[in-house]
């Protein structure tokens, strides 16, 4: 398994899903998963998706600048750090953001998001 290839595939899938329909992210999280979104902590797949779908915009477009990854621990986890731009519909200027994912392997051979931390990067 090439960690960089896994990270790249995950990031592409995650942000394509976020941009198209945030409700479809539920399968990427489990009940032990935790999201920290701009300092607000939410736990569990249902509550995480509720938080993401309640954000005050309907359409957005992510443009990824960097993806860095590292293997994490003996269980086969992976840390993925993303930076990029977020363009909201109707806004002239894109917002800079960073997001960190701690991916853990599933018995089926895939990964789920154990930890997710999102921050806007204000200039």
PDB file of N, CA and C in Angstrom:
ATOM      1  N   UNK A   1       0.840  -1.183   0.000  1.00  0.00           N
ATOM      2  CA  UNK A   1       0.000   0.000   0.000  1.00  0.00           C
ATOM      3  C   UNK A   1       0.886   1.248   0.000  1.00  0.00           C
ATOM      4  N   UNK A   2       0.666   2.115  -0.944  1.00  0.00           N
ATOM      5  CA  UNK A   2       1.401   3.370  -1.056  1.00  0.00           C
ATOM      6  C   UNK A   2       0.614   4.454  -0.308  1.00  0.00           C
ATOM      7  N   UNK A   3       1.115   4.936   0.837  1.00  0.00           N
ATOM      8  CA  UNK A   3       0.371   5.931   1.620  1.00  0.00           C
ATOM      9  C   UNK A   3       0.018   7.194   0.826  1.00  0.00           C
ATOM     10  N   UNK A   4       0.921   7.650  -0.029  1.00  0.00           N
ATOM     11  CA  UNK A   4       0.634   8.852  -0.814  1.00  0.00           C
ATOM     12  C   UNK A   4      -0.526   8.625  -1.775  1.00  0.00           C
ATOM     13  N   UNK A   5      -0.588   7.445  -2.390  1.00  0.00           N
ATOM     14  CA  UNK A   5      -1.684   7.130  -3.312  1.00  0.00           C
ATOM     15  C   UNK A   5      -3.008   7.021  -2.561  1.00  0.00           C
ATOM     16  N   UNK A   6      -2.979   6.402  -1.376  1.00  0.00           N
ATOM     17  CA  UNK A   6      -4.199   6.284  -0.568  1.00  0.00           C
ATOM     18  C   UNK A   6      -4.674   7.675  -0.154  1.00  0.00           C
ATOM     19  N   UNK A   7      -3.751   8.510   0.307  1.00  0.00           N
ATOM     20  CA  UNK A   7      -4.114   9.865   0.738  1.00  0.00           C
ATOM     21  C   UNK A   7      -4.700  10.662  -0.417  1.00  0.00           C
ATOM     22  N   UNK A   8      -4.075  10.580  -1.580  1.00  0.00           N
ATOM     23  CA  UNK A   8      -4.560  11.314  -2.746  1.00  0.00           C
ATOM     24  C   UNK A   8      -5.968  10.851  -3.135  1.00  0.00           C
ATOM     25  N   UNK A   9      -6.190   9.539  -3.161  1.00  0.00           N
ATOM     26  CA  UNK A   9      -7.510   9.003  -3.510  1.00  0.00           C
ATOM     27  C   UNK A   9      -8.561   9.410  -2.468  1.00  0.00           C
ATOM     28  N   UNK A  10      -8.191   9.348  -1.181  1.00  0.00           N
ATOM     29  CA  UNK A  10      -9.125   9.751  -0.131  1.00  0.00           C
ATOM     30  C   UNK A  10      -9.503  11.220  -0.278  1.00  0.00           C
ATOM     31  N   UNK A  11      -8.510  12.077  -0.442  1.00  0.00           N
ATOM     32  CA  UNK A  11      -8.747  13.519  -0.536  1.00  0.00           C
ATOM     33  C   UNK A  11      -9.640  13.837  -1.732  1.00  0.00           C
ATOM     34  N   UNK A  12      -9.369  13.214  -2.862  1.00  0.00           N
ATOM     35  CA  UNK A  12     -10.202  13.452  -4.044  1.00  0.00           C
ATOM     36  C   UNK A  12     -11.648  13.036  -3.781  1.00  0.00           C
ATOM     37  N   UNK A  13     -11.825  11.857  -3.193  1.00  0.00           N
ATOM     38  CA  UNK A  13     -13.180  11.373  -2.889  1.00  0.00           C
ATOM     39  C   UNK A  13     -13.876  12.274  -1.861  1.00  0.00           C
ATOM     40  N   UNK A  14     -13.167  12.628  -0.796  1.00  0.00           N
ATOM     41  CA  UNK A  14     -13.764  13.422   0.277  1.00  0.00           C
ATOM     42  C   UNK A  14     -14.260  14.775  -0.247  1.00  0.00           C
ATOM     43  N   UNK A  15     -13.401  15.521  -0.920  1.00  0.00           N
ATOM     44  CA  UNK A  15     -13.783  16.874  -1.337  1.00  0.00           C
ATOM     45  C   UNK A  15     -14.755  16.865  -2.509  1.00  0.00           C
ATOM     46  N   UNK A  16     -14.702  15.866  -3.375  1.00  0.00           N
ATOM     47  CA  UNK A  16     -15.727  15.735  -4.416  1.00  0.00           C
ATOM     48  C   UNK A  16     -17.090  15.522  -3.765  1.00  0.00           C
ATOM     49  N   UNK A  17     -17.133  14.697  -2.719  1.00  0.00           N
ATOM     50  CA  UNK A  17     -18.386  14.431  -2.006  1.00  0.00           C
ATOM     51  C   UNK A  17     -18.855  15.661  -1.252  1.00  0.00           C
ATOM     52  N   UNK A  18     -17.954  16.354  -0.573  1.00  0.00           N
ATOM     53  CA  UNK A  18     -18.325  17.581   0.153  1.00  0.00           C
ATOM     54  C   UNK A  18     -18.931  18.602  -0.814  1.00  0.00           C
ATOM     55  N   UNK A  19     -18.303  18.771  -1.963  1.00  0.00           N
ATOM     56  CA  UNK A  19     -18.755  19.773  -2.923  1.00  0.00           C
ATOM     57  C   UNK A  19     -20.082  19.389  -3.576  1.00  0.00           C
ATOM     58  N   UNK A  20     -20.345  18.093  -3.714  1.00  0.00           N
ATOM     59  CA  UNK A  20     -21.562  17.640  -4.389  1.00  0.00           C
ATOM     60  C   UNK A  20     -22.732  17.440  -3.425  1.00  0.00           C
ATOM     61  N   UNK A  21     -22.493  16.730  -2.304  1.00  0.00           N
ATOM     62  CA  UNK A  21     -23.578  16.420  -1.365  1.00  0.00           C
ATOM     63  C   UNK A  21     -22.980  15.962  -0.037  1.00  0.00           C
ATOM     64  N   UNK A  22     -22.873  16.871   0.909  1.00  0.00           N
ATOM     65  CA  UNK A  22     -22.230  16.580   2.197  1.00  0.00           C
ATOM     66  C   UNK A  22     -22.882  15.435   2.956  1.00  0.00           C
ATOM     67  N   UNK A  23     -24.169  15.198   2.733  1.00  0.00           N
ATOM     68  CA  UNK A  23     -24.866  14.109   3.433  1.00  0.00           C
ATOM     69  C   UNK A  23     -24.270  12.749   3.080  1.00  0.00           C
ATOM     70  N   UNK A  24     -23.626  12.641   1.928  1.00  0.00           N
ATOM     71  CA  UNK A  24     -23.045  11.369   1.495  1.00  0.00           C
ATOM     72  C   UNK A  24     -21.725  11.049   2.190  1.00  0.00           C
ATOM     73  N   UNK A  25     -21.289  11.891   3.119  1.00  0.00           N
ATOM     74  CA  UNK A  25     -20.054  11.632   3.855  1.00  0.00           C
ATOM     75  C   UNK A  25     -20.241  10.631   4.995  1.00  0.00           C
ATOM     76  N   UNK A  26     -21.463  10.273   5.323  1.00  0.00           N
ATOM     77  CA  UNK A  26     -21.751   9.434   6.493  1.00  0.00           C
ATOM     78  C   UNK A  26     -20.940   8.137   6.504  1.00  0.00           C
ATOM     79  N   UNK A  27     -20.737   7.525   5.353  1.00  0.00           N
ATOM     80  CA  UNK A  27     -20.011   6.253   5.296  1.00  0.00           C
ATOM     81  C   UNK A  27     -18.532   6.384   5.630  1.00  0.00           C
ATOM     82  N   UNK A  28     -18.005   7.601   5.624  1.00  0.00           N
ATOM     83  CA  UNK A  28     -16.587   7.794   5.925  1.00  0.00           C
ATOM     84  C   UNK A  28     -16.307   7.886   7.419  1.00  0.00           C
ATOM     85  N   UNK A  29     -17.351   8.047   8.225  1.00  0.00           N
ATOM     86  CA  UNK A  29     -17.193   8.199   9.670  1.00  0.00           C
ATOM     87  C   UNK A  29     -17.851   7.033  10.397  1.00  0.00           C
ATOM     88  N   UNK A  30     -17.423   6.805  11.656  1.00  0.00           N
ATOM     89  CA  UNK A  30     -18.040   5.813  12.520  1.00  0.00           C
ATOM     90  C   UNK A  30     -18.439   6.490  13.830  1.00  0.00           C
ATOM     91  N   UNK A  31     -19.023   5.727  14.740  1.00  0.00           N
ATOM     92  CA  UNK A  31     -19.507   6.326  15.989  1.00  0.00           C
ATOM     93  C   UNK A  31     -18.368   6.835  16.872  1.00  0.00           C
ATOM     94  N   UNK A  32     -17.178   6.274  16.739  1.00  0.00           N
ATOM     95  CA  UNK A  32     -16.024   6.750  17.519  1.00  0.00           C
ATOM     96  C   UNK A  32     -15.362   7.961  16.873  1.00  0.00           C
ATOM     97  N   UNK A  33     -15.762   8.315  15.658  1.00  0.00           N
ATOM     98  CA  UNK A  33     -15.137   9.427  14.936  1.00  0.00           C
ATOM     99  C   UNK A  33     -15.426  10.752  15.621  1.00  0.00           C
ATOM    100  N   UNK A  34     -14.463  11.685  15.511  1.00  0.00           N
ATOM    101  CA  UNK A  34     -14.648  13.025  16.063  1.00  0.00           C
ATOM    102  C   UNK A  34     -14.234  14.067  15.046  1.00  0.00           C
ATOM    103  N   UNK A  35     -15.061  15.094  14.922  1.00  0.00           N
ATOM    104  CA  UNK A  35     -14.786  16.252  14.082  1.00  0.00           C
ATOM    105  C   UNK A  35     -14.614  17.466  14.983  1.00  0.00           C
ATOM    106  N   UNK A  36     -13.557  18.232  14.757  1.00  0.00           N
ATOM    107  CA  UNK A  36     -13.427  19.552  15.359  1.00  0.00           C
ATOM    108  C   UNK A  36     -13.486  20.535  14.198  1.00  0.00           C
ATOM    109  N   UNK A  37     -14.564  21.305  14.144  1.00  0.00           N
ATOM    110  CA  UNK A  37     -14.804  22.244  13.054  1.00  0.00           C
ATOM    111  C   UNK A  37     -14.756  23.648  13.622  1.00  0.00           C
ATOM    112  N   UNK A  38     -13.680  24.370  13.309  1.00  0.00           N
ATOM    113  CA  UNK A  38     -13.511  25.731  13.835  1.00  0.00           C
ATOM    114  C   UNK A  38     -13.656  25.750  15.359  1.00  0.00           C
ATOM    115  N   UNK A  39     -13.100  24.741  16.021  1.00  0.00           N
ATOM    116  CA  UNK A  39     -13.089  24.686  17.478  1.00  0.00           C
ATOM    117  C   UNK A  39     -14.269  23.970  18.104  1.00  0.00           C
ATOM    118  N   UNK A  40     -15.319  23.680  17.344  1.00  0.00           N
ATOM    119  CA  UNK A  40     -16.498  22.985  17.876  1.00  0.00           C
ATOM    120  C   UNK A  40     -16.332  21.484  17.669  1.00  0.00           C
ATOM    121  N   UNK A  41     -16.408  20.701  18.761  1.00  0.00           N
ATOM    122  CA  UNK A  41     -16.216  19.254  18.698  1.00  0.00           C
ATOM    123  C   UNK A  41     -17.556  18.538  18.560  1.00  0.00           C
ATOM    124  N   UNK A  42     -17.587  17.568  17.639  1.00  0.00           N
ATOM    125  CA  UNK A  42     -18.777  16.768  17.379  1.00  0.00           C
ATOM    126  C   UNK A  42     -18.316  15.320  17.251  1.00  0.00           C
ATOM    127  N   UNK A  43     -19.046  14.376  17.873  1.00  0.00           N
ATOM    128  CA  UNK A  43     -18.647  12.972  17.809  1.00  0.00           C
ATOM    129  C   UNK A  43     -19.754  12.112  17.228  1.00  0.00           C
ATOM    130  N   UNK A  44     -19.347  11.115  16.443  1.00  0.00           N
ATOM    131  CA  UNK A  44     -20.268  10.146  15.862  1.00  0.00           C
ATOM    132  C   UNK A  44     -20.690  10.535  14.458  1.00  0.00           C
ATOM    133  N   UNK A  45     -20.838   9.540  13.619  1.00  0.00           N
ATOM    134  CA  UNK A  45     -21.157   9.756  12.209  1.00  0.00           C
ATOM    135  C   UNK A  45     -22.401  10.617  12.015  1.00  0.00           C
ATOM    136  N   UNK A  46     -23.467  10.313  12.728  1.00  0.00           N
ATOM    137  CA  UNK A  46     -24.726  11.048  12.560  1.00  0.00           C
ATOM    138  C   UNK A  46     -24.568  12.515  12.908  1.00  0.00           C
ATOM    139  N   UNK A  47     -23.928  12.805  14.041  1.00  0.00           N
ATOM    140  CA  UNK A  47     -23.757  14.197  14.472  1.00  0.00           C
ATOM    141  C   UNK A  47     -22.763  14.950  13.590  1.00  0.00           C
ATOM    142  N   UNK A  48     -21.741  14.255  13.096  1.00  0.00           N
ATOM    143  CA  UNK A  48     -20.775  14.898  12.203  1.00  0.00           C
ATOM    144  C   UNK A  48     -21.460  15.313  10.905  1.00  0.00           C
ATOM    145  N   UNK A  49     -22.215  14.417  10.318  1.00  0.00           N
ATOM    146  CA  UNK A  49     -22.905  14.744   9.070  1.00  0.00           C
ATOM    147  C   UNK A  49     -23.952  15.832   9.310  1.00  0.00           C
ATOM    148  N   UNK A  50     -24.625  15.805  10.461  1.00  0.00           N
ATOM    149  CA  UNK A  50     -25.590  16.865  10.796  1.00  0.00           C
ATOM    150  C   UNK A  50     -24.883  18.218  10.862  1.00  0.00           C
ATOM    151  N   UNK A  51     -23.699  18.247  11.457  1.00  0.00           N
ATOM    152  CA  UNK A  51     -22.929  19.493  11.532  1.00  0.00           C
ATOM    153  C   UNK A  51     -22.546  19.978  10.134  1.00  0.00           C
ATOM    154  N   UNK A  52     -22.025  19.084   9.318  1.00  0.00           N
ATOM    155  CA  UNK A  52     -21.565  19.472   7.984  1.00  0.00           C
ATOM    156  C   UNK A  52     -22.718  19.902   7.076  1.00  0.00           C
ATOM    157  N   UNK A  53     -23.862  19.266   7.205  1.00  0.00           N
ATOM    158  CA  UNK A  53     -24.994  19.638   6.358  1.00  0.00           C
ATOM    159  C   UNK A  53     -25.712  20.887   6.864  1.00  0.00           C
ATOM    160  N   UNK A  54     -25.434  21.294   8.106  1.00  0.00           N
ATOM    161  CA  UNK A  54     -26.070  22.500   8.657  1.00  0.00           C
ATOM    162  C   UNK A  54     -25.263  23.766   8.391  1.00  0.00           C
ATOM    163  N   UNK A  55     -24.114  23.636   7.738  1.00  0.00           N
ATOM    164  CA  UNK A  55     -23.306  24.827   7.457  1.00  0.00           C
ATOM    165  C   UNK A  55     -24.109  25.800   6.596  1.00  0.00           C
ATOM    166  N   UNK A  56     -23.905  27.112   6.783  1.00  0.00           N
ATOM    167  CA  UNK A  56     -24.786  28.127   6.178  1.00  0.00           C
ATOM    168  C   UNK A  56     -24.531  28.412   4.695  1.00  0.00           C
ATOM    169  N   UNK A  57     -24.183  27.403   3.935  1.00  0.00           N
ATOM    170  CA  UNK A  57     -24.033  27.569   2.483  1.00  0.00           C
ATOM    171  C   UNK A  57     -24.436  26.253   1.829  1.00  0.00           C
ATOM    172  N   UNK A  58     -24.953  26.354   0.637  1.00  0.00           N
ATOM    173  CA  UNK A  58     -25.396  25.160  -0.070  1.00  0.00           C
ATOM    174  C   UNK A  58     -24.337  24.641  -1.038  1.00  0.00           C
ATOM    175  N   UNK A  59     -23.631  25.541  -1.695  1.00  0.00           N
ATOM    176  CA  UNK A  59     -22.654  25.121  -2.687  1.00  0.00           C
ATOM    177  C   UNK A  59     -21.271  25.659  -2.342  1.00  0.00           C
ATOM    178  N   UNK A  60     -20.272  24.828  -2.602  1.00  0.00           N
ATOM    179  CA  UNK A  60     -18.888  25.241  -2.416  1.00  0.00           C
ATOM    180  C   UNK A  60     -18.014  24.454  -3.391  1.00  0.00           C
ATOM    181  N   UNK A  61     -16.801  24.945  -3.564  1.00  0.00           N
ATOM    182  CA  UNK A  61     -15.847  24.278  -4.441  1.00  0.00           C
ATOM    183  C   UNK A  61     -14.478  24.332  -3.775  1.00  0.00           C
ATOM    184  N   UNK A  62     -13.924  23.165  -3.484  1.00  0.00           N
ATOM    185  CA  UNK A  62     -12.594  23.085  -2.887  1.00  0.00           C
ATOM    186  C   UNK A  62     -11.537  22.986  -3.973  1.00  0.00           C
ATOM    187  N   UNK A  63     -10.450  23.688  -3.760  1.00  0.00           N
ATOM    188  CA  UNK A  63      -9.275  23.596  -4.620  1.00  0.00           C
ATOM    189  C   UNK A  63      -8.104  23.227  -3.714  1.00  0.00           C
ATOM    190  N   UNK A  64      -7.576  22.029  -3.884  1.00  0.00           N
ATOM    191  CA  UNK A  64      -6.544  21.514  -2.994  1.00  0.00           C
ATOM    192  C   UNK A  64      -5.164  21.992  -3.449  1.00  0.00           C
ATOM    193  N   UNK A  65      -4.399  22.523  -2.499  1.00  0.00           N
ATOM    194  CA  UNK A  65      -3.055  23.007  -2.770  1.00  0.00           C
ATOM    195  C   UNK A  65      -2.001  21.963  -2.398  1.00  0.00           C
ATOM    196  N   UNK A  66      -2.126  21.397  -1.185  1.00  0.00           N
ATOM    197  CA  UNK A  66      -1.155  20.402  -0.726  1.00  0.00           C
ATOM    198  C   UNK A  66      -1.855  19.244  -0.029  1.00  0.00           C
ATOM    199  N   UNK A  67      -1.240  18.068  -0.132  1.00  0.00           N
ATOM    200  CA  UNK A  67      -1.668  16.879   0.604  1.00  0.00           C
ATOM    201  C   UNK A  67      -0.400  16.225   1.135  1.00  0.00           C
ATOM    202  N   UNK A  68      -0.296  16.146   2.454  1.00  0.00           N
ATOM    203  CA  UNK A  68       0.841  15.488   3.094  1.00  0.00           C
ATOM    204  C   UNK A  68       0.309  14.321   3.915  1.00  0.00           C
ATOM    205  N   UNK A  69       1.035  13.218   3.944  1.00  0.00           N
ATOM    206  CA  UNK A  69       0.570  12.079   4.740  1.00  0.00           C
ATOM    207  C   UNK A  69       1.735  11.373   5.415  1.00  0.00           C
ATOM    208  N   UNK A  70       1.391  10.684   6.505  1.00  0.00           N
ATOM    209  CA  UNK A  70       2.353   9.878   7.249  1.00  0.00           C
ATOM    210  C   UNK A  70       1.639   8.636   7.760  1.00  0.00           C
ATOM    211  N   UNK A  71       2.319   7.488   7.780  1.00  0.00           N
ATOM    212  CA  UNK A  71       1.747   6.322   8.454  1.00  0.00           C
ATOM    213  C   UNK A  71       1.593   6.642   9.939  1.00  0.00           C
ATOM    214  N   UNK A  72       0.589   6.046  10.578  1.00  0.00           N
ATOM    215  CA  UNK A  72       0.320   6.359  11.980  1.00  0.00           C
ATOM    216  C   UNK A  72       0.050   5.089  12.778  1.00  0.00           C
ATOM    217  N   UNK A  73       1.025   4.675  13.547  1.00  0.00           N
ATOM    218  CA  UNK A  73       0.847   3.587  14.495  1.00  0.00           C
ATOM    219  C   UNK A  73       0.820   2.199  13.887  1.00  0.00           C
ATOM    220  N   UNK A  74       0.867   1.195  14.762  1.00  0.00           N
ATOM    221  CA  UNK A  74       0.946  -0.196  14.314  1.00  0.00           C
ATOM    222  C   UNK A  74      -0.361  -0.731  13.717  1.00  0.00           C
ATOM    223  N   UNK A  75      -1.470  -0.044  13.919  1.00  0.00           N
ATOM    224  CA  UNK A  75      -2.759  -0.532  13.405  1.00  0.00           C
ATOM    225  C   UNK A  75      -2.953  -0.211  11.928  1.00  0.00           C
ATOM    226  N   UNK A  76      -1.999   0.505  11.319  1.00  0.00           N
ATOM    227  CA  UNK A  76      -2.115   0.807   9.897  1.00  0.00           C
ATOM    228  C   UNK A  76      -2.837   2.098   9.594  1.00  0.00           C
ATOM    229  N   UNK A  77      -2.914   2.986  10.587  1.00  0.00           N
ATOM    230  CA  UNK A  77      -3.571   4.278  10.380  1.00  0.00           C
ATOM    231  C   UNK A  77      -2.713   5.210   9.542  1.00  0.00           C
ATOM    232  N   UNK A  78      -3.295   6.359   9.228  1.00  0.00           N
ATOM    233  CA  UNK A  78      -2.608   7.327   8.393  1.00  0.00           C
ATOM    234  C   UNK A  78      -3.068   8.732   8.750  1.00  0.00           C
ATOM    235  N   UNK A  79      -2.104   9.646   8.873  1.00  0.00           N
ATOM    236  CA  UNK A  79      -2.412  11.056   9.048  1.00  0.00           C
ATOM    237  C   UNK A  79      -2.356  11.727   7.686  1.00  0.00           C
ATOM    238  N   UNK A  80      -3.383  12.526   7.374  1.00  0.00           N
ATOM    239  CA  UNK A  80      -3.434  13.243   6.105  1.00  0.00           C
ATOM    240  C   UNK A  80      -3.703  14.708   6.420  1.00  0.00           C
ATOM    241  N   UNK A  81      -2.809  15.583   5.956  1.00  0.00           N
ATOM    242  CA  UNK A  81      -2.953  17.020   6.176  1.00  0.00           C
ATOM    243  C   UNK A  81      -3.167  17.692   4.828  1.00  0.00           C
ATOM    244  N   UNK A  82      -4.240  18.489   4.734  1.00  0.00           N
ATOM    245  CA  UNK A  82      -4.637  19.120   3.477  1.00  0.00           C
ATOM    246  C   UNK A  82      -4.678  20.629   3.667  1.00  0.00           C
ATOM    247  N   UNK A  83      -4.224  21.361   2.659  1.00  0.00           N
ATOM    248  CA  UNK A  83      -4.434  22.808   2.634  1.00  0.00           C
ATOM    249  C   UNK A  83      -4.970  23.173   1.265  1.00  0.00           C
ATOM    250  N   UNK A  84      -5.724  24.265   1.228  1.00  0.00           N
ATOM    251  CA  UNK A  84      -6.278  24.674  -0.054  1.00  0.00           C
ATOM    252  C   UNK A  84      -7.179  25.878   0.069  1.00  0.00           C
ATOM    253  N   UNK A  85      -8.019  26.041  -0.941  1.00  0.00           N
ATOM    254  CA  UNK A  85      -8.951  27.159  -1.010  1.00  0.00           C
ATOM    255  C   UNK A  85     -10.378  26.630  -1.092  1.00  0.00           C
ATOM    256  N   UNK A  86     -11.279  27.392  -0.510  1.00  0.00           N
ATOM    257  CA  UNK A  86     -12.698  27.056  -0.484  1.00  0.00           C
ATOM    258  C   UNK A  86     -13.464  28.228  -1.084  1.00  0.00           C
ATOM    259  N   UNK A  87     -14.104  27.989  -2.203  1.00  0.00           N
ATOM    260  CA  UNK A  87     -14.888  29.029  -2.881  1.00  0.00           C
ATOM    261  C   UNK A  87     -16.365  28.786  -2.612  1.00  0.00           C
ATOM    262  N   UNK A  88     -17.007  29.744  -1.958  1.00  0.00           N
ATOM    263  CA  UNK A  88     -18.444  29.648  -1.698  1.00  0.00           C
ATOM    264  C   UNK A  88     -19.196  30.324  -2.828  1.00  0.00           C
ATOM    265  N   UNK A  89     -20.329  29.763  -3.198  1.00  0.00           N
ATOM    266  CA  UNK A  89     -21.141  30.324  -4.274  1.00  0.00           C
ATOM    267  C   UNK A  89     -21.522  31.760  -3.921  1.00  0.00           C
ATOM    268  N   UNK A  90     -21.309  32.671  -4.861  1.00  0.00           N
ATOM    269  CA  UNK A  90     -21.672  34.066  -4.657  1.00  0.00           C
ATOM    270  C   UNK A  90     -20.604  34.917  -4.011  1.00  0.00           C
ATOM    271  N   UNK A  91     -19.548  34.301  -3.476  1.00  0.00           N
ATOM    272  CA  UNK A  91     -18.461  35.063  -2.856  1.00  0.00           C
ATOM    273  C   UNK A  91     -17.369  35.324  -3.889  1.00  0.00           C
ATOM    274  N   UNK A  92     -16.830  36.537  -3.858  1.00  0.00           N
ATOM    275  CA  UNK A  92     -15.797  36.913  -4.820  1.00  0.00           C
ATOM    276  C   UNK A  92     -14.450  36.272  -4.505  1.00  0.00           C
ATOM    277  N   UNK A  93     -14.113  36.197  -3.216  1.00  0.00           N
ATOM    278  CA  UNK A  93     -12.794  35.712  -2.807  1.00  0.00           C
ATOM    279  C   UNK A  93     -12.894  34.329  -2.176  1.00  0.00           C
ATOM    280  N   UNK A  94     -11.925  33.486  -2.485  1.00  0.00           N
ATOM    281  CA  UNK A  94     -11.854  32.162  -1.873  1.00  0.00           C
ATOM    282  C   UNK A  94     -11.311  32.283  -0.448  1.00  0.00           C
ATOM    283  N   UNK A  95     -11.690  31.344   0.397  1.00  0.00           N
ATOM    284  CA  UNK A  95     -11.197  31.245   1.764  1.00  0.00           C
ATOM    285  C   UNK A  95     -10.104  30.184   1.811  1.00  0.00           C
ATOM    286  N   UNK A  96      -9.037  30.458   2.526  1.00  0.00           N
ATOM    287  CA  UNK A  96      -7.984  29.464   2.701  1.00  0.00           C
ATOM    288  C   UNK A  96      -8.359  28.571   3.882  1.00  0.00           C
ATOM    289  N   UNK A  97      -8.062  27.270   3.744  1.00  0.00           N
ATOM    290  CA  UNK A  97      -8.389  26.336   4.821  1.00  0.00           C
ATOM    291  C   UNK A  97      -7.284  25.306   4.973  1.00  0.00           C
ATOM    292  N   UNK A  98      -7.292  24.659   6.130  1.00  0.00           N
ATOM    293  CA  UNK A  98      -6.460  23.479   6.346  1.00  0.00           C
ATOM    294  C   UNK A  98      -7.317  22.441   7.068  1.00  0.00           C
ATOM    295  N   UNK A  99      -7.018  21.186   6.813  1.00  0.00           N
ATOM    296  CA  UNK A  99      -7.798  20.101   7.408  1.00  0.00           C
ATOM    297  C   UNK A  99      -6.880  18.909   7.618  1.00  0.00           C
ATOM    298  N   UNK A 100      -7.030  18.272   8.785  1.00  0.00           N
ATOM    299  CA  UNK A 100      -6.236  17.098   9.126  1.00  0.00           C
ATOM    300  C   UNK A 100      -7.187  15.926   9.337  1.00  0.00           C
ATOM    301  N   UNK A 101      -6.854  14.789   8.756  1.00  0.00           N
ATOM    302  CA  UNK A 101      -7.614  13.558   8.923  1.00  0.00           C
ATOM    303  C   UNK A 101      -6.721  12.494   9.527  1.00  0.00           C
ATOM    304  N   UNK A 102      -7.256  11.738  10.485  1.00  0.00           N
ATOM    305  CA  UNK A 102      -6.591  10.530  10.968  1.00  0.00           C
ATOM    306  C   UNK A 102      -7.433   9.371  10.446  1.00  0.00           C
ATOM    307  N   UNK A 103      -6.903   8.685   9.454  1.00  0.00           N
ATOM    308  CA  UNK A 103      -7.613   7.571   8.832  1.00  0.00           C
ATOM    309  C   UNK A 103      -7.219   6.271   9.509  1.00  0.00           C
ATOM    310  N   UNK A 104      -8.203   5.407   9.709  1.00  0.00           N
ATOM    311  CA  UNK A 104      -7.948   4.092  10.291  1.00  0.00           C
ATOM    312  C   UNK A 104      -8.481   3.026   9.342  1.00  0.00           C
ATOM    313  N   UNK A 105      -7.794   1.874   9.270  1.00  0.00           N
ATOM    314  CA  UNK A 105      -8.235   0.820   8.360  1.00  0.00           C
ATOM    315  C   UNK A 105      -9.521   0.152   8.848  1.00  0.00           C
ATOM    316  N   UNK A 106     -10.311  -0.307   7.891  1.00  0.00           N
ATOM    317  CA  UNK A 106     -11.518  -1.088   8.187  1.00  0.00           C
ATOM    318  C   UNK A 106     -11.219  -2.556   7.894  1.00  0.00           C
ATOM    319  N   UNK A 107     -11.984  -3.480   8.471  1.00  0.00           N
ATOM    320  CA  UNK A 107     -11.772  -4.904   8.169  1.00  0.00           C
ATOM    321  C   UNK A 107     -11.964  -5.225   6.682  1.00  0.00           C
ATOM    322  N   UNK A 108     -12.732  -4.391   5.979  1.00  0.00           N
ATOM    323  CA  UNK A 108     -13.003  -4.628   4.557  1.00  0.00           C
ATOM    324  C   UNK A 108     -11.857  -4.159   3.655  1.00  0.00           C
ATOM    325  N   UNK A 109     -10.829  -3.541   4.234  1.00  0.00           N
ATOM    326  CA  UNK A 109      -9.687  -3.116   3.444  1.00  0.00           C
ATOM    327  C   UNK A 109      -9.686  -1.645   3.091  1.00  0.00           C
ATOM    328  N   UNK A 110     -10.692  -0.909   3.508  1.00  0.00           N
ATOM    329  CA  UNK A 110     -10.747   0.525   3.255  1.00  0.00           C
ATOM    330  C   UNK A 110     -10.288   1.309   4.469  1.00  0.00           C
ATOM    331  N   UNK A 111     -10.704   2.558   4.531  1.00  0.00           N
ATOM    332  CA  UNK A 111     -10.370   3.426   5.654  1.00  0.00           C
ATOM    333  C   UNK A 111     -11.608   4.198   6.090  1.00  0.00           C
ATOM    334  N   UNK A 112     -11.644   4.572   7.371  1.00  0.00           N
ATOM    335  CA  UNK A 112     -12.646   5.507   7.859  1.00  0.00           C
ATOM    336  C   UNK A 112     -11.919   6.645   8.576  1.00  0.00           C
ATOM    337  N   UNK A 113     -12.621   7.753   8.760  1.00  0.00           N
ATOM    338  CA  UNK A 113     -12.048   8.925   9.422  1.00  0.00           C
ATOM    339  C   UNK A 113     -12.279   8.796  10.924  1.00  0.00           C
ATOM    340  N   UNK A 114     -11.210   8.625  11.690  1.00  0.00           N
ATOM    341  CA  UNK A 114     -11.318   8.592  13.148  1.00  0.00           C
ATOM    342  C   UNK A 114     -11.329  10.014  13.694  1.00  0.00           C
ATOM    343  N   UNK A 115     -10.424  10.857  13.190  1.00  0.00           N
ATOM    344  CA  UNK A 115     -10.344  12.250  13.627  1.00  0.00           C
ATOM    345  C   UNK A 115     -10.291  13.161  12.417  1.00  0.00           C
ATOM    346  N   UNK A 116     -10.966  14.307  12.538  1.00  0.00           N
ATOM    347  CA  UNK A 116     -11.049  15.288  11.452  1.00  0.00           C
ATOM    348  C   UNK A 116     -11.012  16.667  12.106  1.00  0.00           C
ATOM    349  N   UNK A 117     -10.020  17.475  11.751  1.00  0.00           N
ATOM    350  CA  UNK A 117      -9.906  18.833  12.294  1.00  0.00           C
ATOM    351  C   UNK A 117      -9.873  19.800  11.124  1.00  0.00           C
ATOM    352  N   UNK A 118     -10.808  20.770  11.136  1.00  0.00           N
ATOM    353  CA  UNK A 118     -10.926  21.747  10.055  1.00  0.00           C
ATOM    354  C   UNK A 118     -10.773  23.151  10.608  1.00  0.00           C
ATOM    355  N   UNK A 119      -9.982  23.971   9.912  1.00  0.00           N
ATOM    356  CA  UNK A 119      -9.828  25.376  10.267  1.00  0.00           C
ATOM    357  C   UNK A 119      -9.730  26.227   9.019  1.00  0.00           C
ATOM    358  N   UNK A 120     -10.415  27.364   9.047  1.00  0.00           N
ATOM    359  CA  UNK A 120     -10.187  28.406   8.049  1.00  0.00           C
ATOM    360  C   UNK A 120      -8.901  29.111   8.433  1.00  0.00           C
ATOM    361  N   UNK A 121      -8.137  29.536   7.449  1.00  0.00           N
ATOM    362  CA  UNK A 121      -6.871  30.229   7.698  1.00  0.00           C
ATOM    363  C   UNK A 121      -7.054  31.683   7.299  1.00  0.00           C
ATOM    364  N   UNK A 122      -7.255  32.520   8.287  1.00  0.00           N
ATOM    365  CA  UNK A 122      -7.491  33.930   8.042  1.00  0.00           C
ATOM    366  C   UNK A 122      -6.183  34.661   7.811  1.00  0.00           C
ATOM    367  N   UNK A 123      -6.183  35.585   6.857  1.00  0.00           N
ATOM    368  CA  UNK A 123      -4.975  36.345   6.569  1.00  0.00           C
ATOM    369  C   UNK A 123      -4.992  37.672   7.287  1.00  0.00           C
TER     370      UNK A 123
END
